[in-house]
Amino acid sequence: MSFTLKKGRWLSVLVAIFCFSYIAYRLLQYHHQFSLSNIPQLKSSVILLSLMVQVILLCINLFIESKKWQLLVNCITKTNFSQTLKMVLAGFSSGIITPAKLGEPLGRALFLKKEFWAQTTLLTYLGGMISNLVVFIVGLPCVLIVYPVPWLKLSFLSPLYLLSLLGVLATFIVLWYKKQWLKKNINRFKTLQTLKELFYQLALTPQHVIIQVFAYSLLRFTVYSFQLAIMLWLMGAHITTHTLMLIPIYFMLVSMAPTFFLAELGIRGSVALFIFTGLNLSATAIVLAVTALWILNQMLPALLGIVVIWQNKGYKKQQ
């Protein structure tokens, strides 16, 4: 049996190899970081309480995501909360094993009629786009605060600033005069065509729905950040303002990486090692924190989603 990968997936494989190699390098560079002795010996009651809080926050996450999805899917067909929760869980299962979670719409669409599947895919991507927008809106200011960018301090009359401004203006002028050519050729690229359809779906979605989905996404991102802060605290990190600003940066970088199931942990671990090194945590503690969070927020809902999908198949067979 031959093993083949599509052209786009080779990038994910290379990213996975690079990320796991970086983690191995960090662990091997400092032999003492294999040890867990620097992780605080917390009381069992504290660990149990933290676990309970994490489970509660997971339930809140699933509730928020289900309410967000209910808002979006109600634009094409009316659904109740119980049904949208099942769709979200099924989406976790189908998305976790596919590159960049491309299979997530399939799991969500299983509970709808086939006539809604195409719009379900676009609405899933729309919800993801809004979530990523929230991550970048929160993460970019944190980057500028934690890692000051030298060129932002340049004078408006500096040659570099004027050259950059000239380049941006020239690009917009060329695109404006070539807009007919762009319109003609954009359909040749499947990715751009999907983006075009996505923005068309965005235009069709009521403005009040977009605002509510944005608010839910912001609330869910806040819960995610709080979960990671708890994990880092359990590993011995001091939760300061600086630490809290690093968390959105971590999520922003993770959201930019091309992922699939095997690469997920490698990417999250390597990015976490890069971002949280200054927190006086060992590499082992950092990788454990983000791995535990991934298992809780991704693997557990995916396992529940498998049960939901199986039950849905049994229900359809009885019809």
Protein backbone atom coordinates (compact mmCIF):
# COMPACT_ATOMS: atom_id res chain seq x y z
CA MET A 1 0.00 0.00 0.00
CA SER A 2 1.52 3.28 -1.07
CA PHE A 3 1.43 6.28 1.23
CA THR A 4 0.67 9.54 -0.49
CA LEU A 5 0.00 13.02 0.78
CA LYS A 6 -1.56 15.93 -1.00
CA LYS A 7 0.69 18.83 -1.81
CA GLY A 8 -0.74 21.05 0.93
CA ARG A 9 -0.29 18.40 3.61
CA TRP A 10 3.47 18.15 3.15
CA LEU A 11 3.76 21.57 4.78
CA SER A 12 1.89 20.27 7.83
CA VAL A 13 4.16 17.21 7.99
CA LEU A 14 7.29 19.38 7.81
CA VAL A 15 5.87 21.69 10.50
CA ALA A 16 5.17 18.67 12.72
CA ILE A 17 8.70 17.32 12.27
CA PHE A 18 10.21 20.73 13.00
CA CYS A 19 8.04 21.30 16.11
CA PHE A 20 8.68 17.89 17.68
CA SER A 21 12.39 18.25 16.89
CA TYR A 22 12.46 21.64 18.63
CA ILE A 23 10.76 20.17 21.71
CA ALA A 24 13.24 17.27 21.78
CA TYR A 25 16.14 19.73 21.42
CA ARG A 26 14.89 21.86 24.32
CA LEU A 27 14.45 18.83 26.55
CA LEU A 28 17.80 17.29 25.63
CA GLN A 29 19.65 20.60 25.95
CA TYR A 30 18.90 20.73 29.64
CA HIS A 31 18.89 17.25 31.16
CA HIS A 32 17.44 18.47 34.42
CA GLN A 33 14.30 19.59 32.61
CA PHE A 34 13.21 15.99 32.35
CA SER A 35 12.66 16.15 36.07
CA LEU A 36 9.30 17.22 37.50
CA SER A 37 10.87 18.13 40.85
CA ASN A 38 10.57 21.87 40.17
CA ILE A 39 6.79 21.61 39.82
CA PRO A 40 5.18 22.65 43.13
CA GLN A 41 3.96 19.81 45.32
CA LEU A 42 0.39 20.99 45.67
CA LYS A 43 -2.10 19.54 48.11
CA SER A 44 -4.48 16.98 46.67
CA SER A 45 -7.40 19.25 47.61
CA VAL A 46 -5.92 22.09 45.51
CA ILE A 47 -5.37 19.78 42.53
CA LEU A 48 -8.89 18.37 42.84
CA LEU A 49 -10.38 21.87 43.08
CA SER A 50 -8.37 23.00 40.04
CA LEU A 51 -9.57 19.97 38.08
CA MET A 52 -13.17 20.72 38.99
CA VAL A 53 -12.74 24.34 37.91
CA GLN A 54 -11.24 23.20 34.59
CA VAL A 55 -14.16 20.84 33.94
CA ILE A 56 -16.62 23.62 34.75
CA LEU A 57 -14.78 25.97 32.39
CA LEU A 58 -14.86 23.27 29.70
CA CYS A 59 -18.64 23.03 30.09
CA ILE A 60 -18.86 26.82 29.85
CA ASN A 61 -16.74 26.69 26.69
CA LEU A 62 -19.02 24.10 25.10
CA PHE A 63 -22.09 26.10 26.14
CA ILE A 64 -20.71 29.30 24.60
CA GLU A 65 -19.66 27.57 21.37
CA SER A 66 -23.07 25.89 21.10
CA LYS A 67 -24.91 29.18 21.62
CA LYS A 68 -22.65 30.80 19.03
CA TRP A 69 -23.31 28.01 16.55
CA GLN A 70 -27.05 28.17 17.26
CA LEU A 71 -27.04 31.85 16.30
CA LEU A 72 -25.29 31.09 13.02
CA VAL A 73 -27.20 27.98 11.99
CA ASN A 74 -30.55 29.62 12.82
CA CYS A 75 -29.86 31.88 9.83
CA ILE A 76 -30.64 28.91 7.57
CA THR A 77 -32.84 26.62 9.72
CA LYS A 78 -34.23 26.68 13.23
CA THR A 79 -32.47 24.44 15.76
CA ASN A 80 -32.66 24.02 19.52
CA PHE A 81 -29.73 24.16 21.93
CA SER A 82 -29.58 20.38 22.44
CA GLN A 83 -29.18 19.81 18.71
CA THR A 84 -26.52 22.50 18.30
CA LEU A 85 -24.56 21.03 21.23
CA LYS A 86 -24.53 17.65 19.48
CA MET A 87 -23.40 19.35 16.26
CA VAL A 88 -20.54 21.09 18.04
CA LEU A 89 -19.36 17.85 19.69
CA ALA A 90 -19.58 15.99 16.37
CA GLY A 91 -17.57 18.81 14.79
CA PHE A 92 -14.80 18.28 17.34
CA SER A 93 -14.60 14.60 16.37
CA SER A 94 -14.49 15.15 12.61
CA GLY A 95 -12.23 18.20 12.84
CA ILE A 96 -9.52 16.89 15.15
CA ILE A 97 -8.32 14.24 12.65
CA THR A 98 -8.24 16.52 9.58
CA PRO A 99 -5.70 19.21 8.57
CA ALA A 100 -6.62 22.67 9.90
CA LYS A 101 -9.90 21.13 11.18
CA LEU A 102 -11.28 21.07 7.63
CA GLY A 103 -13.54 18.17 8.59
CA GLU A 104 -15.33 20.11 11.32
CA PRO A 105 -18.23 21.24 9.05
CA LEU A 106 -18.89 17.60 8.12
CA GLY A 107 -19.57 16.63 11.72
CA ARG A 108 -21.85 19.59 12.25
CA ALA A 109 -23.73 18.99 9.01
CA LEU A 110 -24.61 15.38 9.93
CA PHE A 111 -27.55 16.63 11.98
CA LEU A 112 -29.02 18.75 9.18
CA LYS A 113 -30.66 18.00 5.85
CA LYS A 114 -28.30 17.74 2.88
CA GLU A 115 -29.75 20.90 1.35
CA PHE A 116 -28.11 22.89 4.20
CA TRP A 117 -24.66 21.25 4.05
CA ALA A 118 -23.03 23.84 1.77
CA GLN A 119 -24.20 26.76 3.91
CA THR A 120 -23.27 24.87 7.08
CA THR A 121 -19.69 24.67 5.81
CA LEU A 122 -19.57 28.42 5.13
CA LEU A 123 -21.15 29.24 8.50
CA THR A 124 -18.59 27.02 10.28
CA TYR A 125 -15.75 28.84 8.53
CA LEU A 126 -17.42 32.18 9.31
CA GLY A 127 -17.55 31.33 13.02
CA GLY A 128 -13.90 30.27 12.90
CA MET A 129 -12.92 33.46 11.09
CA ILE A 130 -14.60 35.58 13.76
CA SER A 131 -12.90 33.57 16.52
CA ASN A 132 -9.49 34.08 14.88
CA LEU A 133 -10.25 37.77 14.48
CA VAL A 134 -10.88 38.00 18.23
CA VAL A 135 -7.57 36.23 18.94
CA PHE A 136 -5.68 38.71 16.74
CA ILE A 137 -7.50 41.75 18.13
CA VAL A 138 -6.46 40.73 21.66
CA GLY A 139 -3.07 39.26 20.75
CA LEU A 140 -1.57 42.01 18.56
CA PRO A 141 -1.68 44.76 21.24
CA CYS A 142 -0.07 42.29 23.65
CA VAL A 143 2.74 41.70 21.13
CA LEU A 144 3.36 45.45 20.84
CA ILE A 145 3.46 45.82 24.64
CA VAL A 146 5.59 42.76 25.44
CA TYR A 147 7.86 42.99 22.37
CA PRO A 148 8.17 46.70 21.41
CA VAL A 149 8.69 47.09 17.66
CA PRO A 150 11.51 49.57 16.86
CA TRP A 151 10.05 50.84 13.59
CA LEU A 152 6.91 52.06 15.36
CA LYS A 153 9.08 54.72 16.99
CA LEU A 154 10.34 56.04 13.64
CA SER A 155 9.53 59.56 12.58
CA PHE A 156 6.77 60.03 10.00
CA LEU A 157 9.39 61.71 7.78
CA SER A 158 11.94 58.90 8.01
CA PRO A 159 12.97 57.31 4.68
CA LEU A 160 11.86 53.85 5.80
CA TYR A 161 8.38 55.07 6.74
CA LEU A 162 7.98 57.05 3.49
CA LEU A 163 9.19 54.08 1.42
CA SER A 164 6.73 51.74 3.16
CA LEU A 165 3.88 54.21 2.64
CA LEU A 166 4.82 54.57 -1.03
CA GLY A 167 4.86 50.78 -1.46
CA VAL A 168 1.38 50.42 0.09
CA LEU A 169 -0.04 53.18 -2.12
CA ALA A 170 1.55 51.69 -5.25
CA THR A 171 0.06 48.29 -4.42
CA PHE A 172 -3.44 49.72 -4.00
CA ILE A 173 -3.15 51.67 -7.27
CA VAL A 174 -2.09 48.56 -9.21
CA LEU A 175 -4.88 46.49 -7.68
CA TRP A 176 -7.42 49.20 -8.49
CA TYR A 177 -6.50 49.41 -12.18
CA LYS A 178 -6.24 45.61 -12.43
CA LYS A 179 -9.49 44.87 -10.59
CA GLN A 180 -11.17 43.44 -13.70
CA TRP A 181 -8.22 41.10 -14.24
CA LEU A 182 -8.34 40.06 -10.57
CA LYS A 183 -12.07 39.43 -10.77
CA LYS A 184 -11.56 37.30 -13.89
CA ASN A 185 -8.77 35.18 -12.42
CA ILE A 186 -9.91 34.83 -8.81
CA ASN A 187 -12.24 31.97 -9.75
CA ARG A 188 -9.25 29.94 -10.96
CA PHE A 189 -8.07 29.49 -7.37
CA LYS A 190 -10.26 27.29 -5.20
CA THR A 191 -9.04 28.86 -1.96
CA LEU A 192 -9.81 32.37 -3.17
CA GLN A 193 -13.19 31.22 -4.44
CA THR A 194 -13.98 29.81 -0.99
CA LEU A 195 -12.90 33.12 0.56
CA LYS A 196 -15.17 34.96 -1.85
CA GLU A 197 -18.12 32.75 -0.88
CA LEU A 198 -17.26 33.24 2.78
CA PHE A 199 -17.45 37.01 2.52
CA TYR A 200 -20.69 36.64 0.56
CA GLN A 201 -22.09 34.58 3.46
CA LEU A 202 -20.85 37.27 5.85
CA ALA A 203 -22.84 39.86 3.91
CA LEU A 204 -25.98 37.70 4.10
CA THR A 205 -25.70 37.14 7.86
CA PRO A 206 -27.63 39.75 9.89
CA GLN A 207 -25.45 42.34 11.59
CA HIS A 208 -26.88 41.66 15.06
CA VAL A 209 -25.94 37.98 14.68
CA ILE A 210 -22.36 38.88 13.76
CA ILE A 211 -22.11 41.16 16.81
CA GLN A 212 -23.44 38.45 19.14
CA VAL A 213 -21.14 35.82 17.63
CA PHE A 214 -18.20 38.19 18.12
CA ALA A 215 -19.20 38.70 21.77
CA TYR A 216 -19.49 34.94 22.35
CA SER A 217 -16.10 34.40 20.69
CA LEU A 218 -14.51 37.01 22.95
CA LEU A 219 -16.07 35.41 26.03
CA ARG A 220 -14.90 31.95 24.95
CA PHE A 221 -11.37 33.21 24.34
CA THR A 222 -11.37 34.73 27.83
CA VAL A 223 -12.33 31.36 29.31
CA TYR A 224 -9.61 29.60 27.28
CA SER A 225 -7.02 32.09 28.51
CA PHE A 226 -8.13 31.61 32.11
CA GLN A 227 -7.82 27.84 31.70
CA LEU A 228 -4.23 28.15 30.45
CA ALA A 229 -3.40 30.56 33.28
CA ILE A 230 -4.59 27.94 35.78
CA MET A 231 -2.47 25.25 34.09
CA LEU A 232 0.64 27.45 34.19
CA TRP A 233 -0.02 28.31 37.83
CA LEU A 234 -0.27 24.61 38.72
CA MET A 235 3.13 24.13 37.07
CA GLY A 236 4.69 26.84 39.23
CA ALA A 237 4.32 30.04 37.18
CA HIS A 238 3.62 33.36 38.90
CA ILE A 239 0.50 34.82 37.29
CA THR A 240 1.33 38.46 36.63
CA THR A 241 0.14 40.98 34.06
CA HIS A 242 3.09 40.00 31.89
CA THR A 243 2.07 36.33 32.05
CA LEU A 244 -1.53 37.16 31.14
CA MET A 245 -0.34 39.12 28.09
CA LEU A 246 1.79 36.19 26.91
CA ILE A 247 -1.24 33.89 26.78
CA PRO A 248 -3.05 35.71 23.91
CA ILE A 249 0.26 35.83 22.01
CA TYR A 250 0.57 32.06 22.40
CA PHE A 251 -2.96 31.44 21.09
CA MET A 252 -2.41 33.87 18.22
CA LEU A 253 0.75 32.07 17.05
CA VAL A 254 -0.91 28.65 17.40
CA SER A 255 -3.88 29.79 15.29
CA MET A 256 -1.51 30.84 12.48
CA ALA A 257 0.21 27.45 12.16
CA PRO A 258 -0.96 24.82 9.63
CA THR A 259 -2.01 21.83 11.73
CA PHE A 260 -3.35 18.31 11.59
CA PHE A 261 -3.80 15.70 14.28
CA LEU A 262 -0.17 14.51 14.56
CA ALA A 263 1.22 18.04 14.44
CA GLU A 264 -1.18 19.59 16.94
CA LEU A 265 0.74 18.75 20.11
CA GLY A 266 4.10 19.48 18.49
CA ILE A 267 3.03 22.93 17.37
CA ARG A 268 1.41 23.84 20.68
CA GLY A 269 4.39 22.55 22.64
CA SER A 270 7.05 24.29 20.55
CA VAL A 271 5.18 27.61 20.48
CA ALA A 272 4.64 27.40 24.25
CA LEU A 273 8.36 26.77 24.80
CA PHE A 274 9.15 29.83 22.71
CA ILE A 275 6.63 32.12 24.43
CA PHE A 276 6.68 30.98 28.07
CA THR A 277 10.43 30.42 28.52
CA GLY A 278 10.76 33.59 30.62
CA LEU A 279 8.35 32.33 33.26
CA ASN A 280 11.06 30.30 35.04
CA LEU A 281 9.33 27.03 34.18
CA SER A 282 11.10 23.93 32.91
CA ALA A 283 10.46 22.80 29.36
CA THR A 284 8.72 19.72 30.76
CA ALA A 285 6.32 21.84 32.84
CA ILE A 286 5.46 24.11 29.89
CA VAL A 287 4.78 21.19 27.53
CA LEU A 288 2.71 19.43 30.20
CA ALA A 289 0.57 22.54 30.76
CA VAL A 290 -0.38 23.04 27.10
CA THR A 291 -0.76 19.29 26.50
CA ALA A 292 -3.14 18.90 29.44
CA LEU A 293 -5.19 21.86 28.18
CA TRP A 294 -5.34 20.36 24.66
CA ILE A 295 -6.52 17.00 26.00
CA LEU A 296 -9.18 18.69 28.11
CA ASN A 297 -10.51 21.13 25.48
CA GLN A 298 -10.02 19.09 22.29
CA MET A 299 -9.69 15.37 22.94
CA LEU A 300 -12.43 15.07 25.57
CA PRO A 301 -15.09 16.86 23.46
CA ALA A 302 -13.94 14.81 20.44
CA LEU A 303 -14.52 11.56 22.38
CA LEU A 304 -17.97 12.78 23.40
CA GLY A 305 -18.58 13.67 19.77
CA ILE A 306 -17.87 10.08 18.69
CA VAL A 307 -20.64 8.90 21.03
CA VAL A 308 -23.00 11.56 19.64
CA ILE A 309 -22.25 10.56 16.03
CA TRP A 310 -22.75 6.88 16.86
CA GLN A 311 -26.10 7.60 18.51
CA ASN A 312 -27.17 9.71 15.53
CA LYS A 313 -26.40 6.82 13.15
CA GLY A 314 -28.47 4.47 15.28
CA TYR A 315 -31.36 6.94 15.30
CA LYS A 316 -31.28 7.27 11.49
CA LYS A 317 -31.29 3.48 11.05
CA GLN A 318 -34.47 3.23 13.11
CA GLN A 319 -36.24 5.77 10.89
